[in-house]
């Protein structure tokens, strides 16, 4: 798909944005499902935490921020590499 888009004239920035958008969509779904599962298991989690509540907003915010930052960095590297692909090589591989 990336090779075809590049061959049809897509800019490297557009290809990076496409890959990052897909990655961040997956992260958003994971965060929503994870928060839902965490809140559903609040009784079990609260018995294991000392000095924190199960719904401590600061802790949840920091954890989500770190998750998003690491995922964005890990996704940017392949997105940058994909945007540098020579279209003819990518099409020949397909």
PDB file of N, CA and C in Angstrom:
ATOM      1  N   UNK A   1       0.828  -1.191   0.000  1.00  0.00           N
ATOM      2  CA  UNK A   1       0.000   0.000   0.000  1.00  0.00           C
ATOM      3  C   UNK A   1       0.871   1.254   0.000  1.00  0.00           C
ATOM      4  N   UNK A   2       1.918   1.237   0.799  1.00  0.00           N
ATOM      5  CA  UNK A   2       2.791   2.404   0.884  1.00  0.00           C
ATOM      6  C   UNK A   2       3.499   2.630  -0.448  1.00  0.00           C
ATOM      7  N   UNK A   3       3.976   1.552  -1.056  1.00  0.00           N
ATOM      8  CA  UNK A   3       4.640   1.670  -2.346  1.00  0.00           C
ATOM      9  C   UNK A   3       3.721   2.220  -3.413  1.00  0.00           C
ATOM     10  N   UNK A   4       2.479   1.789  -3.419  1.00  0.00           N
ATOM     11  CA  UNK A   4       1.512   2.280  -4.408  1.00  0.00           C
ATOM     12  C   UNK A   4       1.230   3.758  -4.173  1.00  0.00           C
ATOM     13  N   UNK A   5       1.046   4.135  -2.924  1.00  0.00           N
ATOM     14  CA  UNK A   5       0.801   5.545  -2.613  1.00  0.00           C
ATOM     15  C   UNK A   5       1.977   6.420  -3.024  1.00  0.00           C
ATOM     16  N   UNK A   6       3.195   5.939  -2.745  1.00  0.00           N
ATOM     17  CA  UNK A   6       4.384   6.718  -3.112  1.00  0.00           C
ATOM     18  C   UNK A   6       4.512   6.812  -4.635  1.00  0.00           C
ATOM     19  N   UNK A   7       4.193   5.720  -5.338  1.00  0.00           N
ATOM     20  CA  UNK A   7       4.286   5.733  -6.800  1.00  0.00           C
ATOM     21  C   UNK A   7       3.255   6.671  -7.420  1.00  0.00           C
ATOM     22  N   UNK A   8       2.125   6.834  -6.753  1.00  0.00           N
ATOM     23  CA  UNK A   8       1.088   7.725  -7.262  1.00  0.00           C
ATOM     24  C   UNK A   8       1.311   9.176  -6.855  1.00  0.00           C
ATOM     25  N   UNK A   9       2.396   9.430  -6.126  1.00  0.00           N
ATOM     26  CA  UNK A   9       2.754  10.811  -5.824  1.00  0.00           C
ATOM     27  C   UNK A   9       2.503  11.272  -4.411  1.00  0.00           C
ATOM     28  N   UNK A  10       2.269  10.372  -3.482  1.00  0.00           N
ATOM     29  CA  UNK A  10       2.072  10.787  -2.094  1.00  0.00           C
ATOM     30  C   UNK A  10       3.371  11.365  -1.541  1.00  0.00           C
ATOM     31  N   UNK A  11       3.247  12.408  -0.762  1.00  0.00           N
ATOM     32  CA  UNK A  11       4.418  13.024  -0.150  1.00  0.00           C
ATOM     33  C   UNK A  11       4.863  12.176   1.035  1.00  0.00           C
ATOM     34  N   UNK A  12       6.155  12.190   1.353  1.00  0.00           N
ATOM     35  CA  UNK A  12       6.628  11.421   2.516  1.00  0.00           C
ATOM     36  C   UNK A  12       5.931  11.815   3.815  1.00  0.00           C
ATOM     37  N   UNK A  13       5.618  13.090   3.969  1.00  0.00           N
ATOM     38  CA  UNK A  13       4.909  13.526   5.176  1.00  0.00           C
ATOM     39  C   UNK A  13       3.526  12.917   5.286  1.00  0.00           C
ATOM     40  N   UNK A  14       2.854  12.764   4.144  1.00  0.00           N
ATOM     41  CA  UNK A  14       1.527  12.146   4.146  1.00  0.00           C
ATOM     42  C   UNK A  14       1.602  10.669   4.512  1.00  0.00           C
ATOM     43  N   UNK A  15       2.657  10.003   4.049  1.00  0.00           N
ATOM     44  CA  UNK A  15       2.824   8.586   4.375  1.00  0.00           C
ATOM     45  C   UNK A  15       3.112   8.425   5.862  1.00  0.00           C
ATOM     46  N   UNK A  16       3.972   9.295   6.407  1.00  0.00           N
ATOM     47  CA  UNK A  16       4.257   9.235   7.856  1.00  0.00           C
ATOM     48  C   UNK A  16       2.982   9.472   8.644  1.00  0.00           C
ATOM     49  N   UNK A  17       2.186  10.458   8.238  1.00  0.00           N
ATOM     50  CA  UNK A  17       0.945  10.766   8.950  1.00  0.00           C
ATOM     51  C   UNK A  17      -0.018   9.577   8.888  1.00  0.00           C
ATOM     52  N   UNK A  18      -0.095   8.914   7.742  1.00  0.00           N
ATOM     53  CA  UNK A  18      -0.990   7.765   7.602  1.00  0.00           C
ATOM     54  C   UNK A  18      -0.596   6.651   8.575  1.00  0.00           C
ATOM     55  N   UNK A  19       0.691   6.341   8.637  1.00  0.00           N
ATOM     56  CA  UNK A  19       1.159   5.273   9.522  1.00  0.00           C
ATOM     57  C   UNK A  19       0.958   5.676  10.984  1.00  0.00           C
ATOM     58  N   UNK A  20       1.306   6.911  11.335  1.00  0.00           N
ATOM     59  CA  UNK A  20       1.157   7.359  12.726  1.00  0.00           C
ATOM     60  C   UNK A  20      -0.309   7.414  13.145  1.00  0.00           C
ATOM     61  N   UNK A  21      -1.193   7.790  12.216  1.00  0.00           N
ATOM     62  CA  UNK A  21      -2.624   7.834  12.540  1.00  0.00           C
ATOM     63  C   UNK A  21      -3.140   6.442  12.902  1.00  0.00           C
ATOM     64  N   UNK A  22      -2.718   5.438  12.144  1.00  0.00           N
ATOM     65  CA  UNK A  22      -3.144   4.074  12.436  1.00  0.00           C
ATOM     66  C   UNK A  22      -2.592   3.602  13.780  1.00  0.00           C
ATOM     67  N   UNK A  23      -1.347   3.940  14.067  1.00  0.00           N
ATOM     68  CA  UNK A  23      -0.736   3.530  15.332  1.00  0.00           C
ATOM     69  C   UNK A  23      -1.442   4.203  16.505  1.00  0.00           C
ATOM     70  N   UNK A  24      -1.682   5.506  16.391  1.00  0.00           N
ATOM     71  CA  UNK A  24      -2.304   6.222  17.500  1.00  0.00           C
ATOM     72  C   UNK A  24      -3.770   5.817  17.688  1.00  0.00           C
ATOM     73  N   UNK A  25      -4.427   5.388  16.630  1.00  0.00           N
ATOM     74  CA  UNK A  25      -5.789   4.869  16.777  1.00  0.00           C
ATOM     75  C   UNK A  25      -5.781   3.585  17.604  1.00  0.00           C
ATOM     76  N   UNK A  26      -4.819   2.719  17.337  1.00  0.00           N
ATOM     77  CA  UNK A  26      -4.699   1.493  18.127  1.00  0.00           C
ATOM     78  C   UNK A  26      -4.387   1.796  19.589  1.00  0.00           C
ATOM     79  N   UNK A  27      -3.544   2.800  19.829  1.00  0.00           N
ATOM     80  CA  UNK A  27      -3.224   3.185  21.205  1.00  0.00           C
ATOM     81  C   UNK A  27      -4.466   3.722  21.907  1.00  0.00           C
ATOM     82  N   UNK A  28      -5.238   4.540  21.221  1.00  0.00           N
ATOM     83  CA  UNK A  28      -6.444   5.099  21.826  1.00  0.00           C
ATOM     84  C   UNK A  28      -7.436   3.997  22.199  1.00  0.00           C
ATOM     85  N   UNK A  29      -7.615   3.028  21.310  1.00  0.00           N
ATOM     86  CA  UNK A  29      -8.510   1.903  21.618  1.00  0.00           C
ATOM     87  C   UNK A  29      -7.973   1.120  22.812  1.00  0.00           C
ATOM     88  N   UNK A  30      -6.670   0.895  22.849  1.00  0.00           N
ATOM     89  CA  UNK A  30      -6.065   0.171  23.967  1.00  0.00           C
ATOM     90  C   UNK A  30      -6.199   0.906  25.290  1.00  0.00           C
ATOM     91  N   UNK A  31      -6.040   2.226  25.256  1.00  0.00           N
ATOM     92  CA  UNK A  31      -6.179   3.010  26.488  1.00  0.00           C
ATOM     93  C   UNK A  31      -7.618   2.957  26.989  1.00  0.00           C
ATOM     94  N   UNK A  32      -8.565   3.096  26.096  1.00  0.00           N
ATOM     95  CA  UNK A  32      -9.979   3.061  26.509  1.00  0.00           C
ATOM     96  C   UNK A  32     -10.337   1.686  27.076  1.00  0.00           C
ATOM     97  N   UNK A  33      -9.925   0.624  26.382  1.00  0.00           N
ATOM     98  CA  UNK A  33     -10.227  -0.722  26.888  1.00  0.00           C
ATOM     99  C   UNK A  33      -9.490  -0.993  28.198  1.00  0.00           C
ATOM    100  N   UNK A  34      -8.247  -0.529  28.301  1.00  0.00           N
ATOM    101  CA  UNK A  34      -7.471  -0.732  29.524  1.00  0.00           C
ATOM    102  C   UNK A  34      -8.050   0.014  30.712  1.00  0.00           C
ATOM    103  N   UNK A  35      -8.482   1.250  30.480  1.00  0.00           N
ATOM    104  CA  UNK A  35      -9.118   1.998  31.566  1.00  0.00           C
ATOM    105  C   UNK A  35     -10.419   1.337  31.998  1.00  0.00           C
ATOM    106  N   UNK A  36     -11.182   0.883  31.018  1.00  0.00           N
ATOM    107  CA  UNK A  36     -12.433   0.187  31.359  1.00  0.00           C
ATOM    108  C   UNK A  36     -12.191  -1.076  32.158  1.00  0.00           C
ATOM    109  N   UNK A  37     -11.191  -1.868  31.746  1.00  0.00           N
ATOM    110  CA  UNK A  37     -10.878  -3.099  32.478  1.00  0.00           C
ATOM    111  C   UNK A  37     -10.311  -2.772  33.854  1.00  0.00           C
ATOM    112  N   UNK A  38      -9.499  -1.714  33.938  1.00  0.00           N
ATOM    113  CA  UNK A  38      -8.939  -1.327  35.233  1.00  0.00           C
ATOM    114  C   UNK A  38      -9.997  -0.856  36.207  1.00  0.00           C
ATOM    115  N   UNK A  39     -10.932  -0.078  35.704  1.00  0.00           N
ATOM    116  CA  UNK A  39     -12.011   0.386  36.576  1.00  0.00           C
ATOM    117  C   UNK A  39     -12.946  -0.757  36.959  1.00  0.00           C
ATOM    118  N   UNK A  40     -13.119  -1.716  36.055  1.00  0.00           N
ATOM    119  CA  UNK A  40     -13.963  -2.872  36.374  1.00  0.00           C
ATOM    120  C   UNK A  40     -13.312  -3.751  37.441  1.00  0.00           C
ATOM    121  N   UNK A  41     -11.989  -3.800  37.464  1.00  0.00           N
ATOM    122  CA  UNK A  41     -11.267  -4.625  38.441  1.00  0.00           C
ATOM    123  C   UNK A  41     -10.793  -3.789  39.633  1.00  0.00           C
ATOM    124  N   UNK A  42     -11.472  -2.702  39.904  1.00  0.00           N
ATOM    125  CA  UNK A  42     -11.039  -1.758  40.928  1.00  0.00           C
ATOM    126  C   UNK A  42     -10.927  -2.391  42.316  1.00  0.00           C
ATOM    127  N   UNK A  43     -11.806  -3.277  42.685  1.00  0.00           N
ATOM    128  CA  UNK A  43     -11.755  -3.897  44.006  1.00  0.00           C
ATOM    129  C   UNK A  43     -10.482  -4.717  44.189  1.00  0.00           C
ATOM    130  N   UNK A  44     -10.139  -5.487  43.186  1.00  0.00           N
ATOM    131  CA  UNK A  44      -8.934  -6.306  43.259  1.00  0.00           C
ATOM    132  C   UNK A  44      -7.683  -5.437  43.263  1.00  0.00           C
ATOM    133  N   UNK A  45      -7.678  -4.422  42.427  1.00  0.00           N
ATOM    134  CA  UNK A  45      -6.511  -3.547  42.329  1.00  0.00           C
ATOM    135  C   UNK A  45      -6.322  -2.744  43.606  1.00  0.00           C
ATOM    136  N   UNK A  46      -7.399  -2.259  44.197  1.00  0.00           N
ATOM    137  CA  UNK A  46      -7.272  -1.419  45.390  1.00  0.00           C
ATOM    138  C   UNK A  46      -6.708  -2.186  46.568  1.00  0.00           C
ATOM    139  N   UNK A  47      -6.878  -3.487  46.618  1.00  0.00           N
ATOM    140  CA  UNK A  47      -6.310  -4.261  47.720  1.00  0.00           C
ATOM    141  C   UNK A  47      -4.805  -4.452  47.565  1.00  0.00           C
ATOM    142  N   UNK A  48      -4.260  -4.231  46.366  1.00  0.00           N
ATOM    143  CA  UNK A  48      -2.826  -4.387  46.120  1.00  0.00           C
ATOM    144  C   UNK A  48      -2.053  -3.076  46.195  1.00  0.00           C
ATOM    145  N   UNK A  49      -2.738  -1.951  46.207  1.00  0.00           N
ATOM    146  CA  UNK A  49      -2.072  -0.650  46.217  1.00  0.00           C
ATOM    147  C   UNK A  49      -1.953  -0.126  47.634  1.00  0.00           C
ATOM    148  N   UNK A  50      -0.793   0.398  47.955  1.00  0.00           N
ATOM    149  CA  UNK A  50      -0.571   0.970  49.278  1.00  0.00           C
ATOM    150  C   UNK A  50      -0.277   2.448  49.113  1.00  0.00           C
ATOM    151  N   UNK A  51      -1.105   3.294  49.699  1.00  0.00           N
ATOM    152  CA  UNK A  51      -0.918   4.732  49.617  1.00  0.00           C
ATOM    153  C   UNK A  51      -1.531   5.373  48.388  1.00  0.00           C
ATOM    154  N   UNK A  52      -2.193   4.603  47.556  1.00  0.00           N
ATOM    155  CA  UNK A  52      -2.853   5.128  46.364  1.00  0.00           C
ATOM    156  C   UNK A  52      -4.277   4.589  46.305  1.00  0.00           C
ATOM    157  N   UNK A  53      -5.100   5.310  45.594  1.00  0.00           N
ATOM    158  CA  UNK A  53      -6.429   4.768  45.315  1.00  0.00           C
ATOM    159  C   UNK A  53      -6.395   4.136  43.927  1.00  0.00           C
ATOM    160  N   UNK A  54      -7.356   3.308  43.650  1.00  0.00           N
ATOM    161  CA  UNK A  54      -7.387   2.621  42.355  1.00  0.00           C
ATOM    162  C   UNK A  54      -7.669   3.585  41.210  1.00  0.00           C
ATOM    163  N   UNK A  55      -8.268   4.711  41.514  1.00  0.00           N
ATOM    164  CA  UNK A  55      -8.589   5.686  40.468  1.00  0.00           C
ATOM    165  C   UNK A  55      -7.811   6.979  40.661  1.00  0.00           C
ATOM    166  N   UNK A  56      -6.575   6.893  41.099  1.00  0.00           N
ATOM    167  CA  UNK A  56      -5.742   8.077  41.302  1.00  0.00           C
ATOM    168  C   UNK A  56      -5.497   8.748  39.954  1.00  0.00           C
ATOM    169  N   UNK A  57      -6.025   9.962  39.748  1.00  0.00           N
ATOM    170  CA  UNK A  57      -5.927  10.589  38.430  1.00  0.00           C
ATOM    171  C   UNK A  57      -4.481  10.903  38.012  1.00  0.00           C
ATOM    172  N   UNK A  58      -3.644  11.277  38.947  1.00  0.00           N
ATOM    173  CA  UNK A  58      -2.263  11.605  38.593  1.00  0.00           C
ATOM    174  C   UNK A  58      -1.524  10.369  38.086  1.00  0.00           C
ATOM    175  N   UNK A  59      -1.694   9.259  38.762  1.00  0.00           N
ATOM    176  CA  UNK A  59      -1.025   8.023  38.361  1.00  0.00           C
ATOM    177  C   UNK A  59      -1.537   7.542  37.007  1.00  0.00           C
ATOM    178  N   UNK A  60      -2.841   7.564  36.825  1.00  0.00           N
ATOM    179  CA  UNK A  60      -3.413   7.139  35.547  1.00  0.00           C
ATOM    180  C   UNK A  60      -2.950   8.051  34.410  1.00  0.00           C
ATOM    181  N   UNK A  61      -2.924   9.352  34.656  1.00  0.00           N
ATOM    182  CA  UNK A  61      -2.494  10.296  33.619  1.00  0.00           C
ATOM    183  C   UNK A  61      -1.040  10.089  33.233  1.00  0.00           C
ATOM    184  N   UNK A  62      -0.179   9.900  34.216  1.00  0.00           N
ATOM    185  CA  UNK A  62       1.240   9.678  33.933  1.00  0.00           C
ATOM    186  C   UNK A  62       1.442   8.374  33.172  1.00  0.00           C
ATOM    187  N   UNK A  63       0.729   7.336  33.570  1.00  0.00           N
ATOM    188  CA  UNK A  63       0.862   6.044  32.886  1.00  0.00           C
ATOM    189  C   UNK A  63       0.402   6.144  31.439  1.00  0.00           C
ATOM    190  N   UNK A  64      -0.700   6.832  31.203  1.00  0.00           N
ATOM    191  CA  UNK A  64      -1.212   6.995  29.839  1.00  0.00           C
ATOM    192  C   UNK A  64      -0.253   7.854  29.020  1.00  0.00           C
ATOM    193  N   UNK A  65       0.269   8.919  29.615  1.00  0.00           N
ATOM    194  CA  UNK A  65       1.205   9.794  28.908  1.00  0.00           C
ATOM    195  C   UNK A  65       2.470   9.042  28.502  1.00  0.00           C
ATOM    196  N   UNK A  66       3.005   8.237  29.398  1.00  0.00           N
ATOM    197  CA  UNK A  66       4.199   7.450  29.085  1.00  0.00           C
ATOM    198  C   UNK A  66       3.894   6.433  27.991  1.00  0.00           C
ATOM    199  N   UNK A  67       2.747   5.771  28.081  1.00  0.00           N
ATOM    200  CA  UNK A  67       2.357   4.796  27.063  1.00  0.00           C
ATOM    201  C   UNK A  67       2.238   5.443  25.687  1.00  0.00           C
ATOM    202  N   UNK A  68       1.601   6.592  25.624  1.00  0.00           N
ATOM    203  CA  UNK A  68       1.423   7.282  24.339  1.00  0.00           C
ATOM    204  C   UNK A  68       2.767   7.766  23.798  1.00  0.00           C
ATOM    205  N   UNK A  69       3.625   8.295  24.666  1.00  0.00           N
ATOM    206  CA  UNK A  69       4.931   8.795  24.218  1.00  0.00           C
ATOM    207  C   UNK A  69       5.810   7.669  23.681  1.00  0.00           C
ATOM    208  N   UNK A  70       5.860   6.558  24.398  1.00  0.00           N
ATOM    209  CA  UNK A  70       6.678   5.428  23.943  1.00  0.00           C
ATOM    210  C   UNK A  70       6.133   4.852  22.641  1.00  0.00           C
ATOM    211  N   UNK A  71       4.829   4.747  22.543  1.00  0.00           N
ATOM    212  CA  UNK A  71       4.220   4.213  21.329  1.00  0.00           C
ATOM    213  C   UNK A  71       4.436   5.145  20.139  1.00  0.00           C
ATOM    214  N   UNK A  72       4.327   6.442  20.368  1.00  0.00           N
ATOM    215  CA  UNK A  72       4.553   7.400  19.283  1.00  0.00           C
ATOM    216  C   UNK A  72       5.990   7.329  18.788  1.00  0.00           C
ATOM    217  N   UNK A  73       6.936   7.217  19.714  1.00  0.00           N
ATOM    218  CA  UNK A  73       8.335   7.110  19.310  1.00  0.00           C
ATOM    219  C   UNK A  73       8.584   5.800  18.571  1.00  0.00           C
ATOM    220  N   UNK A  74       8.032   4.705  19.100  1.00  0.00           N
ATOM    221  CA  UNK A  74       8.227   3.398  18.473  1.00  0.00           C
ATOM    222  C   UNK A  74       7.538   3.325  17.116  1.00  0.00           C
ATOM    223  N   UNK A  75       6.459   4.052  16.929  1.00  0.00           N
ATOM    224  CA  UNK A  75       5.767   4.061  15.645  1.00  0.00           C
ATOM    225  C   UNK A  75       6.368   5.021  14.645  1.00  0.00           C
ATOM    226  N   UNK A  76       7.012   6.080  15.138  1.00  0.00           N
ATOM    227  CA  UNK A  76       7.585   7.064  14.225  1.00  0.00           C
ATOM    228  C   UNK A  76       8.761   6.487  13.441  1.00  0.00           C
ATOM    229  N   UNK A  77       9.558   5.652  14.078  1.00  0.00           N
ATOM    230  CA  UNK A  77      10.722   5.089  13.386  1.00  0.00           C
ATOM    231  C   UNK A  77      10.331   4.277  12.156  1.00  0.00           C
ATOM    232  N   UNK A  78       9.389   3.318  12.233  1.00  0.00           N
ATOM    233  CA  UNK A  78       8.970   2.624  11.017  1.00  0.00           C
ATOM    234  C   UNK A  78       8.221   3.532  10.034  1.00  0.00           C
ATOM    235  N   UNK A  79       7.491   4.519  10.542  1.00  0.00           N
ATOM    236  CA  UNK A  79       6.781   5.445   9.655  1.00  0.00           C
ATOM    237  C   UNK A  79       7.780   6.264   8.841  1.00  0.00           C
ATOM    238  N   UNK A  80       8.848   6.702   9.483  1.00  0.00           N
ATOM    239  CA  UNK A  80       9.876   7.460   8.774  1.00  0.00           C
ATOM    240  C   UNK A  80      10.565   6.581   7.740  1.00  0.00           C
ATOM    241  N   UNK A  81      10.838   5.343   8.119  1.00  0.00           N
ATOM    242  CA  UNK A  81      11.477   4.419   7.179  1.00  0.00           C
ATOM    243  C   UNK A  81      10.561   4.124   5.996  1.00  0.00           C
ATOM    244  N   UNK A  82       9.271   3.975   6.262  1.00  0.00           N
ATOM    245  CA  UNK A  82       8.314   3.690   5.188  1.00  0.00           C
ATOM    246  C   UNK A  82       8.192   4.868   4.236  1.00  0.00           C
ATOM    247  N   UNK A  83       8.327   6.080   4.755  1.00  0.00           N
ATOM    248  CA  UNK A  83       8.197   7.248   3.883  1.00  0.00           C
ATOM    249  C   UNK A  83       9.425   7.455   3.003  1.00  0.00           C
ATOM    250  N   UNK A  84      10.509   6.780   3.307  1.00  0.00           N
ATOM    251  CA  UNK A  84      11.732   6.901   2.513  1.00  0.00           C
ATOM    252  C   UNK A  84      11.875   5.795   1.470  1.00  0.00           C
ATOM    253  N   UNK A  85      10.883   4.938   1.360  1.00  0.00           N
ATOM    254  CA  UNK A  85      10.945   3.818   0.431  1.00  0.00           C
ATOM    255  C   UNK A  85      10.901   4.325  -1.003  1.00  0.00           C
ATOM    256  N   UNK A  86      11.751   3.769  -1.832  1.00  0.00           N
ATOM    257  CA  UNK A  86      11.713   4.072  -3.265  1.00  0.00           C
ATOM    258  C   UNK A  86      10.492   3.350  -3.847  1.00  0.00           C
ATOM    259  N   UNK A  87       9.595   4.060  -4.500  1.00  0.00           N
ATOM    260  CA  UNK A  87       8.361   3.437  -4.995  1.00  0.00           C
ATOM    261  C   UNK A  87       8.609   2.256  -5.933  1.00  0.00           C
ATOM    262  N   UNK A  88       9.605   2.336  -6.769  1.00  0.00           N
ATOM    263  CA  UNK A  88       9.858   1.242  -7.712  1.00  0.00           C
ATOM    264  C   UNK A  88      10.304  -0.023  -6.991  1.00  0.00           C
ATOM    265  N   UNK A  89      11.106   0.130  -5.970  1.00  0.00           N
ATOM    266  CA  UNK A  89      11.534  -1.054  -5.196  1.00  0.00           C
ATOM    267  C   UNK A  89      10.346  -1.656  -4.464  1.00  0.00           C
ATOM    268  N   UNK A  90       9.511  -0.801  -3.873  1.00  0.00           N
ATOM    269  CA  UNK A  90       8.332  -1.299  -3.146  1.00  0.00           C
ATOM    270  C   UNK A  90       7.365  -2.004  -4.087  1.00  0.00           C
ATOM    271  N   UNK A  91       7.146  -1.451  -5.274  1.00  0.00           N
ATOM    272  CA  UNK A  91       6.239  -2.084  -6.226  1.00  0.00           C
ATOM    273  C   UNK A  91       6.815  -3.382  -6.772  1.00  0.00           C
ATOM    274  N   UNK A  92       8.095  -3.411  -6.968  1.00  0.00           N
ATOM    275  CA  UNK A  92       8.731  -4.625  -7.459  1.00  0.00           C
ATOM    276  C   UNK A  92       8.614  -5.742  -6.417  1.00  0.00           C
ATOM    277  N   UNK A  93       8.667  -5.391  -5.141  1.00  0.00           N
ATOM    278  CA  UNK A  93       8.546  -6.367  -4.068  1.00  0.00           C
ATOM    279  C   UNK A  93       7.141  -6.954  -4.022  1.00  0.00           C
ATOM    280  N   UNK A  94       6.139  -6.133  -4.288  1.00  0.00           N
ATOM    281  CA  UNK A  94       4.738  -6.583  -4.252  1.00  0.00           C
ATOM    282  C   UNK A  94       4.529  -7.599  -5.338  1.00  0.00           C
TER     283      UNK A  94
END
